[in-house]
């Protein structure tokens, strides 16, 4: 998976790995929009450019095995990577794809990934990532998951 520098068009390989306790000192609400310490009891992953330490995006996930589903509790990009003047493109797509691959590994063809969008971002998730409205949540299943993998996973 890669992020694209919006200024130069350069691709940078990314790494997605679990958040560890040392990361919480730098996960401020000012830069990442949420109090990520409240998510400690859930699975949390960070995205950074390979061989760097700067976290560009975060996701926390709750597993719901009886529904063959991973529910994204929070997903965010760092402040400088939000909106039309963002520094890097593809952060959210890479995180969503990473979680989707876990869902496929766990649940096969029954895999589902859901999230409850905050505010106007719902339209973005529908248009950019092919998410479907499912009540109060948005979700993707195997066809949309494969489309995400094809779009974002270049390994």
Protein backbone atom coordinates (compact mmCIF):
# COMPACT_ATOMS: atom_id res chain seq x y z
CA UNK A 1 0.00 0.00 0.00
CA UNK A 2 1.14 3.53 -0.72
CA UNK A 3 0.27 7.14 0.00
CA UNK A 4 0.74 9.82 -2.63
CA UNK A 5 2.42 13.14 -1.88
CA UNK A 6 -0.10 15.63 -3.29
CA UNK A 7 2.58 18.22 -3.99
CA UNK A 8 4.95 16.01 -5.98
CA UNK A 9 2.90 12.96 -6.96
CA UNK A 10 5.53 10.73 -5.36
CA UNK A 11 4.37 7.37 -3.97
CA UNK A 12 5.52 6.31 -0.50
CA UNK A 13 5.14 2.75 0.78
CA UNK A 14 3.24 2.61 4.07
CA UNK A 15 3.23 0.33 7.08
CA UNK A 16 0.13 -0.39 9.13
CA UNK A 17 0.72 -1.90 12.55
CA UNK A 18 -0.86 -2.01 15.99
CA UNK A 19 -0.72 1.12 18.13
CA UNK A 20 1.50 0.57 21.14
CA UNK A 21 1.49 2.31 24.51
CA UNK A 22 4.40 4.59 23.55
CA UNK A 23 2.30 6.08 20.72
CA UNK A 24 -0.34 7.60 23.01
CA UNK A 25 1.92 10.48 24.06
CA UNK A 26 1.80 11.82 20.49
CA UNK A 27 -1.86 11.02 19.73
CA UNK A 28 -3.30 14.40 20.65
CA UNK A 29 -6.85 15.47 19.97
CA UNK A 30 -5.49 18.61 18.28
CA UNK A 31 -3.76 16.54 15.58
CA UNK A 32 -6.00 13.45 15.40
CA UNK A 33 -9.45 14.89 16.26
CA UNK A 34 -10.33 12.35 18.99
CA UNK A 35 -9.13 11.26 22.41
CA UNK A 36 -7.54 8.01 21.28
CA UNK A 37 -6.79 6.91 24.85
CA UNK A 38 -10.51 6.11 25.13
CA UNK A 39 -10.02 3.45 22.43
CA UNK A 40 -7.30 1.50 24.26
CA UNK A 41 -9.57 -1.49 24.95
CA UNK A 42 -10.17 -1.99 21.20
CA UNK A 43 -7.88 -3.04 18.39
CA UNK A 44 -6.06 0.02 17.13
CA UNK A 45 -3.81 0.41 14.11
CA UNK A 46 -1.58 3.24 12.91
CA UNK A 47 -0.46 4.07 9.39
CA UNK A 48 2.90 5.64 8.70
CA UNK A 49 5.26 5.93 5.79
CA UNK A 50 7.69 3.00 5.87
CA UNK A 51 10.81 3.62 7.93
CA UNK A 52 9.41 6.76 9.57
CA UNK A 53 7.77 7.29 12.96
CA UNK A 54 5.17 9.95 12.09
CA UNK A 55 1.63 8.55 12.33
CA UNK A 56 -0.52 9.76 9.41
CA UNK A 57 -3.74 7.92 10.27
CA UNK A 58 -5.43 5.77 12.89
CA UNK A 59 -8.27 3.30 13.12
CA UNK A 60 -9.90 1.47 16.02
CA UNK A 61 -11.94 -1.67 15.43
CA UNK A 62 -14.44 -3.81 17.28
CA UNK A 63 -14.87 -7.43 16.20
CA UNK A 64 -18.43 -8.73 16.01
CA UNK A 65 -17.91 -12.39 15.05
CA UNK A 66 -21.55 -13.43 15.40
CA UNK A 67 -22.28 -11.05 12.49
CA UNK A 68 -19.05 -11.86 10.55
CA UNK A 69 -18.24 -8.17 10.86
CA UNK A 70 -15.53 -5.76 11.88
CA UNK A 71 -16.95 -2.44 13.03
CA UNK A 72 -14.73 0.63 12.67
CA UNK A 73 -15.23 2.69 15.81
CA UNK A 74 -12.99 5.56 14.74
CA UNK A 75 -10.94 6.28 11.66
CA UNK A 76 -8.99 9.49 11.15
CA UNK A 77 -6.16 11.07 9.28
CA UNK A 78 -3.79 13.56 10.87
CA UNK A 79 -4.82 17.21 10.70
CA UNK A 80 -2.44 18.08 7.85
CA UNK A 81 -3.88 15.24 5.76
CA UNK A 82 -7.52 16.32 5.89
CA UNK A 83 -9.40 18.27 3.24
CA UNK A 84 -8.40 19.75 -0.10
CA UNK A 85 -4.98 20.93 1.09
CA UNK A 86 -3.87 17.54 2.46
CA UNK A 87 -0.23 16.54 2.21
CA UNK A 88 -0.82 12.82 1.46
CA UNK A 89 -3.63 11.04 -0.39
CA UNK A 90 -4.94 7.48 0.29
CA UNK A 91 -4.54 7.31 4.08
CA UNK A 92 -8.19 6.54 4.89
CA UNK A 93 -8.49 4.19 1.89
CA UNK A 94 -5.44 2.23 3.01
CA UNK A 95 -6.76 1.91 6.57
CA UNK A 96 -10.19 0.82 5.36
CA UNK A 97 -8.59 -1.71 3.01
CA UNK A 98 -6.35 -3.06 5.78
CA UNK A 99 -9.38 -3.65 8.04
CA UNK A 100 -11.27 -5.19 5.12
CA UNK A 101 -8.44 -7.66 4.53
CA UNK A 102 -8.62 -8.71 8.19
CA UNK A 103 -12.38 -9.24 7.78
CA UNK A 104 -11.83 -11.46 4.72
CA UNK A 105 -9.14 -13.43 6.53
CA UNK A 106 -11.46 -13.95 9.52
CA UNK A 107 -14.83 -14.44 7.81
CA UNK A 108 -14.16 -15.33 4.16
CA UNK A 109 -16.97 -14.61 1.73
CA UNK A 110 -19.25 -13.52 4.60
CA UNK A 111 -16.92 -10.65 5.57
CA UNK A 112 -18.44 -7.29 6.37
CA UNK A 113 -16.92 -3.99 7.53
CA UNK A 114 -19.10 -1.27 8.99
CA UNK A 115 -18.80 2.19 10.47
CA UNK A 116 -21.09 4.86 11.81
CA UNK A 117 -20.05 8.07 10.04
CA UNK A 118 -19.89 11.37 11.85
CA UNK A 119 -21.65 14.24 10.05
CA UNK A 120 -21.25 14.94 6.36
CA UNK A 121 -18.42 12.45 5.87
CA UNK A 122 -20.99 9.72 5.06
CA UNK A 123 -21.34 10.91 1.45
CA UNK A 124 -17.54 10.75 1.05
CA UNK A 125 -17.45 7.11 2.24
CA UNK A 126 -20.29 6.20 -0.11
CA UNK A 127 -18.79 7.95 -3.15
CA UNK A 128 -15.09 7.21 -2.64
CA UNK A 129 -15.13 3.75 -1.07
CA UNK A 130 -18.41 2.23 -2.32
CA UNK A 131 -19.96 1.92 1.13
CA UNK A 132 -23.66 1.12 1.39
CA UNK A 133 -26.22 2.65 3.73
CA UNK A 134 -27.33 -0.02 6.21
CA UNK A 135 -29.56 1.70 8.74
CA UNK A 136 -27.51 4.04 10.92
CA UNK A 137 -24.25 2.58 9.64
CA UNK A 138 -22.41 2.27 6.36
CA UNK A 139 -20.98 -1.07 5.36
CA UNK A 140 -19.12 -2.97 2.70
CA UNK A 141 -19.26 -6.65 1.92
CA UNK A 142 -17.18 -8.94 -0.23
CA UNK A 143 -17.67 -7.24 -3.64
CA UNK A 144 -16.86 -3.77 -2.30
CA UNK A 145 -14.01 -5.21 -0.24
CA UNK A 146 -12.45 -6.74 -3.35
CA UNK A 147 -12.81 -3.40 -5.15
CA UNK A 148 -10.98 -1.67 -2.27
CA UNK A 149 -8.21 -4.26 -2.28
CA UNK A 150 -7.79 -3.87 -6.04
CA UNK A 151 -7.66 -0.06 -5.70
CA UNK A 152 -5.42 0.35 -2.64
CA UNK A 153 -3.37 -2.80 -2.10
CA UNK A 154 -0.41 -2.79 -4.45
CA UNK A 155 1.56 -5.57 -2.71
